[in-house]
Amino acid sequence: MKRIAITIMVLVMLIVLTGCTSVNNGIVVEKSFTAAHRTYAPIIIGKAPHIIPRWHSHPDSWRILVENDAHREWWDVTEEFYNSVDIGDYVDRR
């Protein structure tokens, strides 16, 4: 039974990974900037409810959505690259 479950899991992973395509070039259809920020995640320790705060710092991030044929993919880019492209521009990752 365990062998069957592992085989099914491997087959599902292969199907999912085979369907993944990477967009290496295309047209910029959207731009997104997220300013530096912090997020809070409480951590509960032990049987008694001891909650310890955990803060995560996130730096500024710049992303562009690139479309090629029927595929779309978000690219993380530098601030300089983000500022150098506009929506409708053709970009190439290579």
PDB file of N, CA and C in Angstrom:
ATOM      1  N   MET A   1       0.823  -1.190   0.000  1.00  0.00           N
ATOM      2  CA  MET A   1       0.000   0.000   0.000  1.00  0.00           C
ATOM      3  C   MET A   1       0.874   1.264   0.000  1.00  0.00           C
ATOM      4  N   LYS A   2       1.943   1.215   0.783  1.00  0.00           N
ATOM      5  CA  LYS A   2       2.843   2.371   0.860  1.00  0.00           C
ATOM      6  C   LYS A   2       3.513   2.617  -0.492  1.00  0.00           C
ATOM      7  N   ARG A   3       3.889   1.541  -1.166  1.00  0.00           N
ATOM      8  CA  ARG A   3       4.542   1.655  -2.468  1.00  0.00           C
ATOM      9  C   ARG A   3       3.600   2.287  -3.499  1.00  0.00           C
ATOM     10  N   ILE A   4       2.327   1.937  -3.454  1.00  0.00           N
ATOM     11  CA  ILE A   4       1.341   2.500  -4.379  1.00  0.00           C
ATOM     12  C   ILE A   4       1.184   4.000  -4.132  1.00  0.00           C
ATOM     13  N   ALA A   5       1.120   4.383  -2.852  1.00  0.00           N
ATOM     14  CA  ALA A   5       0.977   5.806  -2.512  1.00  0.00           C
ATOM     15  C   ALA A   5       2.182   6.600  -2.993  1.00  0.00           C
ATOM     16  N   ILE A   6       3.378   6.064  -2.837  1.00  0.00           N
ATOM     17  CA  ILE A   6       4.589   6.755  -3.289  1.00  0.00           C
ATOM     18  C   ILE A   6       4.600   6.862  -4.814  1.00  0.00           C
ATOM     19  N   THR A   7       4.199   5.789  -5.494  1.00  0.00           N
ATOM     20  CA  THR A   7       4.149   5.810  -6.957  1.00  0.00           C
ATOM     21  C   THR A   7       3.167   6.862  -7.456  1.00  0.00           C
ATOM     22  N   ILE A   8       2.003   6.926  -6.850  1.00  0.00           N
ATOM     23  CA  ILE A   8       1.007   7.921  -7.241  1.00  0.00           C
ATOM     24  C   ILE A   8       1.538   9.329  -6.990  1.00  0.00           C
ATOM     25  N   MET A   9       2.182   9.545  -5.851  1.00  0.00           N
ATOM     26  CA  MET A   9       2.730  10.857  -5.523  1.00  0.00           C
ATOM     27  C   MET A   9       3.790  11.275  -6.547  1.00  0.00           C
ATOM     28  N   VAL A  10       4.666  10.351  -6.934  1.00  0.00           N
ATOM     29  CA  VAL A  10       5.701  10.647  -7.932  1.00  0.00           C
ATOM     30  C   VAL A  10       5.064  10.981  -9.275  1.00  0.00           C
ATOM     31  N   LEU A  11       4.061  10.241  -9.683  1.00  0.00           N
ATOM     32  CA  LEU A  11       3.377  10.514 -10.948  1.00  0.00           C
ATOM     33  C   LEU A  11       2.709  11.889 -10.946  1.00  0.00           C
ATOM     34  N   VAL A  12       2.055  12.234  -9.847  1.00  0.00           N
ATOM     35  CA  VAL A  12       1.421  13.552  -9.739  1.00  0.00           C
ATOM     36  C   VAL A  12       2.468  14.651  -9.822  1.00  0.00           C
ATOM     37  N   MET A  13       3.598  14.476  -9.140  1.00  0.00           N
ATOM     38  CA  MET A  13       4.662  15.479  -9.179  1.00  0.00           C
ATOM     39  C   MET A  13       5.201  15.640 -10.594  1.00  0.00           C
ATOM     40  N   LEU A  14       5.388  14.549 -11.311  1.00  0.00           N
ATOM     41  CA  LEU A  14       5.873  14.626 -12.685  1.00  0.00           C
ATOM     42  C   LEU A  14       4.888  15.357 -13.593  1.00  0.00           C
ATOM     43  N   ILE A  15       3.613  15.084 -13.423  1.00  0.00           N
ATOM     44  CA  ILE A  15       2.598  15.763 -14.233  1.00  0.00           C
ATOM     45  C   ILE A  15       2.585  17.256 -13.939  1.00  0.00           C
ATOM     46  N   VAL A  16       2.642  17.613 -12.672  1.00  0.00           N
ATOM     47  CA  VAL A  16       2.640  19.026 -12.284  1.00  0.00           C
ATOM     48  C   VAL A  16       3.883  19.729 -12.811  1.00  0.00           C
ATOM     49  N   LEU A  17       5.049  19.127 -12.644  1.00  0.00           N
ATOM     50  CA  LEU A  17       6.291  19.758 -13.086  1.00  0.00           C
ATOM     51  C   LEU A  17       6.391  19.827 -14.602  1.00  0.00           C
ATOM     52  N   THR A  18       5.825  18.872 -15.301  1.00  0.00           N
ATOM     53  CA  THR A  18       5.849  18.894 -16.756  1.00  0.00           C
ATOM     54  C   THR A  18       5.018  20.051 -17.297  1.00  0.00           C
ATOM     55  N   GLY A  19       3.954  20.394 -16.598  1.00  0.00           N
ATOM     56  CA  GLY A  19       3.086  21.478 -17.027  1.00  0.00           C
ATOM     57  C   GLY A  19       3.654  22.854 -16.747  1.00  0.00           C
ATOM     58  N   CYS A  20       4.728  22.961 -15.987  1.00  0.00           N
ATOM     59  CA  CYS A  20       5.319  24.252 -15.650  1.00  0.00           C
ATOM     60  C   CYS A  20       6.148  24.756 -16.824  1.00  0.00           C
ATOM     61  N   THR A  21       5.857  25.955 -17.238  1.00  0.00           N
ATOM     62  CA  THR A  21       6.648  26.574 -18.293  1.00  0.00           C
ATOM     63  C   THR A  21       7.222  27.863 -17.767  1.00  0.00           C
ATOM     64  N   SER A  22       8.368  28.207 -18.237  1.00  0.00           N
ATOM     65  CA  SER A  22       9.014  29.437 -17.821  1.00  0.00           C
ATOM     66  C   SER A  22       8.972  30.429 -18.974  1.00  0.00           C
ATOM     67  N   VAL A  23       8.554  31.635 -18.672  1.00  0.00           N
ATOM     68  CA  VAL A  23       8.496  32.692 -19.681  1.00  0.00           C
ATOM     69  C   VAL A  23       9.854  33.389 -19.695  1.00  0.00           C
ATOM     70  N   ASN A  24      10.579  33.276 -20.803  1.00  0.00           N
ATOM     71  CA  ASN A  24      11.895  33.891 -20.915  1.00  0.00           C
ATOM     72  C   ASN A  24      11.872  35.242 -21.617  1.00  0.00           C
ATOM     73  N   ASN A  25      10.767  35.539 -22.302  1.00  0.00           N
ATOM     74  CA  ASN A  25      10.627  36.838 -22.957  1.00  0.00           C
ATOM     75  C   ASN A  25       9.157  37.104 -23.187  1.00  0.00           C
ATOM     76  N   GLY A  26       8.836  38.357 -23.453  1.00  0.00           N
ATOM     77  CA  GLY A  26       7.446  38.701 -23.710  1.00  0.00           C
ATOM     78  C   GLY A  26       7.187  40.172 -23.476  1.00  0.00           C
ATOM     79  N   ILE A  27       5.922  40.502 -23.324  1.00  0.00           N
ATOM     80  CA  ILE A  27       5.467  41.872 -23.166  1.00  0.00           C
ATOM     81  C   ILE A  27       5.136  42.130 -21.696  1.00  0.00           C
ATOM     82  N   VAL A  28       5.571  43.275 -21.179  1.00  0.00           N
ATOM     83  CA  VAL A  28       5.239  43.673 -19.807  1.00  0.00           C
ATOM     84  C   VAL A  28       3.770  44.088 -19.785  1.00  0.00           C
ATOM     85  N   VAL A  29       2.955  43.395 -18.982  1.00  0.00           N
ATOM     86  CA  VAL A  29       1.533  43.712 -18.915  1.00  0.00           C
ATOM     87  C   VAL A  29       1.128  44.340 -17.583  1.00  0.00           C
ATOM     88  N   GLU A  30       2.005  44.257 -16.582  1.00  0.00           N
ATOM     89  CA  GLU A  30       1.702  44.858 -15.283  1.00  0.00           C
ATOM     90  C   GLU A  30       3.004  45.062 -14.514  1.00  0.00           C
ATOM     91  N   LYS A  31       3.021  46.105 -13.684  1.00  0.00           N
ATOM     92  CA  LYS A  31       4.166  46.376 -12.822  1.00  0.00           C
ATOM     93  C   LYS A  31       3.670  46.484 -11.386  1.00  0.00           C
ATOM     94  N   SER A  32       4.497  46.026 -10.432  1.00  0.00           N
ATOM     95  CA  SER A  32       4.090  46.049  -9.032  1.00  0.00           C
ATOM     96  C   SER A  32       5.283  46.417  -8.147  1.00  0.00           C
ATOM     97  N   PHE A  33       5.077  47.423  -7.297  1.00  0.00           N
ATOM     98  CA  PHE A  33       6.095  47.803  -6.319  1.00  0.00           C
ATOM     99  C   PHE A  33       5.503  47.610  -4.931  1.00  0.00           C
ATOM    100  N   THR A  34       6.265  46.956  -4.049  1.00  0.00           N
ATOM    101  CA  THR A  34       5.858  46.785  -2.659  1.00  0.00           C
ATOM    102  C   THR A  34       6.918  47.431  -1.780  1.00  0.00           C
ATOM    103  N   ALA A  35       6.496  48.414  -0.995  1.00  0.00           N
ATOM    104  CA  ALA A  35       7.429  49.120  -0.111  1.00  0.00           C
ATOM    105  C   ALA A  35       7.862  48.209   1.035  1.00  0.00           C
ATOM    106  N   ALA A  36       9.032  48.516   1.588  1.00  0.00           N
ATOM    107  CA  ALA A  36       9.547  47.747   2.717  1.00  0.00           C
ATOM    108  C   ALA A  36       8.506  47.764   3.840  1.00  0.00           C
ATOM    109  N   HIS A  37       8.342  46.625   4.477  1.00  0.00           N
ATOM    110  CA  HIS A  37       7.363  46.526   5.548  1.00  0.00           C
ATOM    111  C   HIS A  37       7.733  45.380   6.487  1.00  0.00           C
ATOM    112  N   ARG A  38       7.024  45.309   7.598  1.00  0.00           N
ATOM    113  CA  ARG A  38       7.227  44.234   8.553  1.00  0.00           C
ATOM    114  C   ARG A  38       5.915  43.493   8.747  1.00  0.00           C
ATOM    115  N   THR A  39       6.008  42.178   8.919  1.00  0.00           N
ATOM    116  CA  THR A  39       4.822  41.378   9.214  1.00  0.00           C
ATOM    117  C   THR A  39       5.028  40.671  10.548  1.00  0.00           C
ATOM    118  N   TYR A  40       3.934  40.433  11.224  1.00  0.00           N
ATOM    119  CA  TYR A  40       3.945  39.821  12.546  1.00  0.00           C
ATOM    120  C   TYR A  40       3.385  38.412  12.454  1.00  0.00           C
ATOM    121  N   ALA A  41       4.098  37.469  13.070  1.00  0.00           N
ATOM    122  CA  ALA A  41       3.618  36.093  13.132  1.00  0.00           C
ATOM    123  C   ALA A  41       3.772  35.596  14.567  1.00  0.00           C
ATOM    124  N   PRO A  42       2.670  35.363  15.262  1.00  0.00           N
ATOM    125  CA  PRO A  42       2.787  34.859  16.639  1.00  0.00           C
ATOM    126  C   PRO A  42       3.234  33.405  16.652  1.00  0.00           C
ATOM    127  N   ILE A  43       4.095  33.074  17.600  1.00  0.00           N
ATOM    128  CA  ILE A  43       4.565  31.699  17.761  1.00  0.00           C
ATOM    129  C   ILE A  43       4.074  31.200  19.112  1.00  0.00           C
ATOM    130  N   ILE A  44       3.376  30.082  19.107  1.00  0.00           N
ATOM    131  CA  ILE A  44       2.852  29.500  20.346  1.00  0.00           C
ATOM    132  C   ILE A  44       3.786  28.382  20.766  1.00  0.00           C
ATOM    133  N   ILE A  45       4.253  28.478  22.029  1.00  0.00           N
ATOM    134  CA  ILE A  45       5.227  27.509  22.539  1.00  0.00           C
ATOM    135  C   ILE A  45       4.644  26.795  23.758  1.00  0.00           C
ATOM    136  N   GLY A  46       4.835  25.487  23.791  1.00  0.00           N
ATOM    137  CA  GLY A  46       4.435  24.687  24.941  1.00  0.00           C
ATOM    138  C   GLY A  46       2.948  24.417  25.008  1.00  0.00           C
ATOM    139  N   LYS A  47       2.557  23.648  26.035  1.00  0.00           N
ATOM    140  CA  LYS A  47       1.147  23.301  26.221  1.00  0.00           C
ATOM    141  C   LYS A  47       0.357  24.489  26.730  1.00  0.00           C
ATOM    142  N   ALA A  48       0.965  25.255  27.618  1.00  0.00           N
ATOM    143  CA  ALA A  48       0.315  26.489  28.076  1.00  0.00           C
ATOM    144  C   ALA A  48       0.454  27.512  26.954  1.00  0.00           C
ATOM    145  N   PRO A  49      -0.523  28.351  26.761  1.00  0.00           N
ATOM    146  CA  PRO A  49      -0.468  29.287  25.621  1.00  0.00           C
ATOM    147  C   PRO A  49       0.536  30.430  25.836  1.00  0.00           C
ATOM    148  N   HIS A  50       1.803  30.148  25.560  1.00  0.00           N
ATOM    149  CA  HIS A  50       2.837  31.185  25.601  1.00  0.00           C
ATOM    150  C   HIS A  50       3.021  31.696  24.178  1.00  0.00           C
ATOM    151  N   ILE A  51       2.662  32.929  23.968  1.00  0.00           N
ATOM    152  CA  ILE A  51       2.760  33.505  22.630  1.00  0.00           C
ATOM    153  C   ILE A  51       3.955  34.446  22.581  1.00  0.00           C
ATOM    154  N   ILE A  52       4.845  34.166  21.642  1.00  0.00           N
ATOM    155  CA  ILE A  52       6.040  34.987  21.455  1.00  0.00           C
ATOM    156  C   ILE A  52       5.913  35.685  20.105  1.00  0.00           C
ATOM    157  N   PRO A  53       6.061  37.003  20.095  1.00  0.00           N
ATOM    158  CA  PRO A  53       5.954  37.705  18.806  1.00  0.00           C
ATOM    159  C   PRO A  53       7.184  37.469  17.938  1.00  0.00           C
ATOM    160  N   ARG A  54       6.964  37.304  16.665  1.00  0.00           N
ATOM    161  CA  ARG A  54       8.069  37.155  15.721  1.00  0.00           C
ATOM    162  C   ARG A  54       7.806  38.101  14.561  1.00  0.00           C
ATOM    163  N   TRP A  55       8.706  39.021  14.361  1.00  0.00           N
ATOM    164  CA  TRP A  55       8.559  40.009  13.301  1.00  0.00           C
ATOM    165  C   TRP A  55       9.457  39.635  12.133  1.00  0.00           C
ATOM    166  N   HIS A  56       8.931  39.775  10.922  1.00  0.00           N
ATOM    167  CA  HIS A  56       9.687  39.526   9.701  1.00  0.00           C
ATOM    168  C   HIS A  56       9.817  40.844   8.947  1.00  0.00           C
ATOM    169  N   SER A  57      11.030  41.203   8.579  1.00  0.00           N
ATOM    170  CA  SER A  57      11.244  42.415   7.790  1.00  0.00           C
ATOM    171  C   SER A  57      11.334  42.036   6.317  1.00  0.00           C
ATOM    172  N   HIS A  58      10.629  42.791   5.480  1.00  0.00           N
ATOM    173  CA  HIS A  58      10.615  42.564   4.040  1.00  0.00           C
ATOM    174  C   HIS A  58      11.127  43.832   3.366  1.00  0.00           C
ATOM    175  N   PRO A  59      12.171  43.731   2.542  1.00  0.00           N
ATOM    176  CA  PRO A  59      12.697  44.920   1.862  1.00  0.00           C
ATOM    177  C   PRO A  59      11.785  45.346   0.705  1.00  0.00           C
ATOM    178  N   ASP A  60      12.074  46.505   0.130  1.00  0.00           N
ATOM    179  CA  ASP A  60      11.367  46.935  -1.076  1.00  0.00           C
ATOM    180  C   ASP A  60      11.467  45.834  -2.121  1.00  0.00           C
ATOM    181  N   SER A  61      10.403  45.668  -2.911  1.00  0.00           N
ATOM    182  CA  SER A  61      10.477  44.683  -3.998  1.00  0.00           C
ATOM    183  C   SER A  61       9.792  45.244  -5.239  1.00  0.00           C
ATOM    184  N   TRP A  62      10.364  44.908  -6.380  1.00  0.00           N
ATOM    185  CA  TRP A  62       9.871  45.347  -7.679  1.00  0.00           C
ATOM    186  C   TRP A  62       9.609  44.106  -8.520  1.00  0.00           C
ATOM    187  N   ARG A  63       8.418  44.046  -9.127  1.00  0.00           N
ATOM    188  CA  ARG A  63       8.046  42.897  -9.947  1.00  0.00           C
ATOM    189  C   ARG A  63       7.364  43.388 -11.215  1.00  0.00           C
ATOM    190  N   ILE A  64       7.534  42.607 -12.285  1.00  0.00           N
ATOM    191  CA  ILE A  64       6.813  42.866 -13.522  1.00  0.00           C
ATOM    192  C   ILE A  64       6.137  41.576 -13.956  1.00  0.00           C
ATOM    193  N   LEU A  65       4.956  41.712 -14.541  1.00  0.00           N
ATOM    194  CA  LEU A  65       4.235  40.562 -15.076  1.00  0.00           C
ATOM    195  C   LEU A  65       4.480  40.521 -16.579  1.00  0.00           C
ATOM    196  N   VAL A  66       5.090  39.422 -17.030  1.00  0.00           N
ATOM    197  CA  VAL A  66       5.460  39.270 -18.438  1.00  0.00           C
ATOM    198  C   VAL A  66       4.556  38.218 -19.065  1.00  0.00           C
ATOM    199  N   GLU A  67       4.019  38.555 -20.261  1.00  0.00           N
ATOM    200  CA  GLU A  67       3.123  37.646 -20.961  1.00  0.00           C
ATOM    201  C   GLU A  67       3.739  37.258 -22.293  1.00  0.00           C
ATOM    202  N   ASN A  68       3.700  35.948 -22.580  1.00  0.00           N
ATOM    203  CA  ASN A  68       4.218  35.421 -23.835  1.00  0.00           C
ATOM    204  C   ASN A  68       3.236  34.367 -24.317  1.00  0.00           C
ATOM    205  N   ASP A  69       2.566  34.618 -25.423  1.00  0.00           N
ATOM    206  CA  ASP A  69       1.518  33.731 -25.938  1.00  0.00           C
ATOM    207  C   ASP A  69       0.431  33.588 -24.864  1.00  0.00           C
ATOM    208  N   ALA A  70       0.200  32.384 -24.377  1.00  0.00           N
ATOM    209  CA  ALA A  70      -0.849  32.163 -23.380  1.00  0.00           C
ATOM    210  C   ALA A  70      -0.282  32.059 -21.965  1.00  0.00           C
ATOM    211  N   HIS A  71       1.010  32.312 -21.790  1.00  0.00           N
ATOM    212  CA  HIS A  71       1.645  32.162 -20.483  1.00  0.00           C
ATOM    213  C   HIS A  71       1.957  33.520 -19.874  1.00  0.00           C
ATOM    214  N   ARG A  72       1.806  33.590 -18.560  1.00  0.00           N
ATOM    215  CA  ARG A  72       2.147  34.801 -17.805  1.00  0.00           C
ATOM    216  C   ARG A  72       3.042  34.399 -16.639  1.00  0.00           C
ATOM    217  N   GLU A  73       3.975  35.283 -16.288  1.00  0.00           N
ATOM    218  CA  GLU A  73       4.867  34.973 -15.180  1.00  0.00           C
ATOM    219  C   GLU A  73       5.344  36.267 -14.536  1.00  0.00           C
ATOM    220  N   TRP A  74       5.342  36.284 -13.187  1.00  0.00           N
ATOM    221  CA  TRP A  74       5.887  37.430 -12.459  1.00  0.00           C
ATOM    222  C   TRP A  74       7.399  37.268 -12.354  1.00  0.00           C
ATOM    223  N   TRP A  75       8.121  38.334 -12.683  1.00  0.00           N
ATOM    224  CA  TRP A  75       9.574  38.364 -12.533  1.00  0.00           C
ATOM    225  C   TRP A  75       9.925  39.341 -11.422  1.00  0.00           C
ATOM    226  N   ASP A  76      10.810  38.921 -10.517  1.00  0.00           N
ATOM    227  CA  ASP A  76      11.397  39.840  -9.553  1.00  0.00           C
ATOM    228  C   ASP A  76      12.539  40.545 -10.259  1.00  0.00           C
ATOM    229  N   VAL A  77      12.548  41.874 -10.214  1.00  0.00           N
ATOM    230  CA  VAL A  77      13.562  42.647 -10.932  1.00  0.00           C
ATOM    231  C   VAL A  77      14.175  43.691 -10.009  1.00  0.00           C
ATOM    232  N   THR A  78      15.261  44.291 -10.454  1.00  0.00           N
ATOM    233  CA  THR A  78      15.895  45.357  -9.685  1.00  0.00           C
ATOM    234  C   THR A  78      15.122  46.660  -9.876  1.00  0.00           C
ATOM    235  N   GLU A  79      15.376  47.605  -8.995  1.00  0.00           N
ATOM    236  CA  GLU A  79      14.726  48.911  -9.100  1.00  0.00           C
ATOM    237  C   GLU A  79      15.083  49.587 -10.417  1.00  0.00           C
ATOM    238  N   GLU A  80      16.332  49.462 -10.833  1.00  0.00           N
ATOM    239  CA  GLU A  80      16.774  50.096 -12.070  1.00  0.00           C
ATOM    240  C   GLU A  80      16.039  49.521 -13.282  1.00  0.00           C
ATOM    241  N   PHE A  81      15.925  48.198 -13.329  1.00  0.00           N
ATOM    242  CA  PHE A  81      15.221  47.561 -14.450  1.00  0.00           C
ATOM    243  C   PHE A  81      13.745  47.930 -14.430  1.00  0.00           C
ATOM    244  N   TYR A  82      13.143  47.926 -13.247  1.00  0.00           N
ATOM    245  CA  TYR A  82      11.731  48.286 -13.090  1.00  0.00           C
ATOM    246  C   TYR A  82      11.467  49.684 -13.640  1.00  0.00           C
ATOM    247  N   ASN A  83      12.358  50.609 -13.324  1.00  0.00           N
ATOM    248  CA  ASN A  83      12.183  51.992 -13.779  1.00  0.00           C
ATOM    249  C   ASN A  83      12.486  52.168 -15.267  1.00  0.00           C
ATOM    250  N   SER A  84      13.212  51.212 -15.858  1.00  0.00           N
ATOM    251  CA  SER A  84      13.590  51.351 -17.265  1.00  0.00           C
ATOM    252  C   SER A  84      12.557  50.778 -18.231  1.00  0.00           C
ATOM    253  N   VAL A  85      11.577  50.015 -17.716  1.00  0.00           N
ATOM    254  CA  VAL A  85      10.562  49.427 -18.599  1.00  0.00           C
ATOM    255  C   VAL A  85       9.186  50.005 -18.299  1.00  0.00           C
ATOM    256  N   ASP A  86       8.357  50.014 -19.321  1.00  0.00           N
ATOM    257  CA  ASP A  86       6.965  50.448 -19.186  1.00  0.00           C
ATOM    258  C   ASP A  86       6.052  49.323 -19.641  1.00  0.00           C
ATOM    259  N   ILE A  87       4.791  49.422 -19.275  1.00  0.00           N
ATOM    260  CA  ILE A  87       3.805  48.445 -19.731  1.00  0.00           C
ATOM    261  C   ILE A  87       3.736  48.508 -21.251  1.00  0.00           C
ATOM    262  N   GLY A  88       3.783  47.351 -21.880  1.00  0.00           N
ATOM    263  CA  GLY A  88       3.791  47.265 -23.346  1.00  0.00           C
ATOM    264  C   GLY A  88       5.160  47.045 -23.935  1.00  0.00           C
ATOM    265  N   ASP A  89       6.225  47.219 -23.128  1.00  0.00           N
ATOM    266  CA  ASP A  89       7.596  46.983 -23.608  1.00  0.00           C
ATOM    267  C   ASP A  89       7.864  45.483 -23.752  1.00  0.00           C
ATOM    268  N   TYR A  90       8.699  45.146 -24.735  1.00  0.00           N
ATOM    269  CA  TYR A  90       9.162  43.774 -24.921  1.00  0.00           C
ATOM    270  C   TYR A  90      10.409  43.591 -24.062  1.00  0.00           C
ATOM    271  N   VAL A  91      10.457  42.506 -23.279  1.00  0.00           N
ATOM    272  CA  VAL A  91      11.624  42.226 -22.433  1.00  0.00           C
ATOM    273  C   VAL A  91      12.095  40.802 -22.688  1.00  0.00           C
ATOM    274  N   ASP A  92      13.402  40.597 -22.474  1.00  0.00           N
ATOM    275  CA  ASP A  92      14.015  39.280 -22.670  1.00  0.00           C
ATOM    276  C   ASP A  92      14.879  39.000 -21.452  1.00  0.00           C
ATOM    277  N   ARG A  93      14.688  37.851 -20.830  1.00  0.00           N
ATOM    278  CA  ARG A  93      15.413  37.491 -19.607  1.00  0.00           C
ATOM    279  C   ARG A  93      16.857  37.089 -19.899  1.00  0.00           C
ATOM    280  N   ARG A  94      17.145  36.674 -21.119  1.00  0.00           N
ATOM    281  CA  ARG A  94      18.476  36.159 -21.443  1.00  0.00           C
ATOM    282  C   ARG A  94      19.497  37.235 -21.574  1.00  0.00           C
TER     283      ARG A  94
END
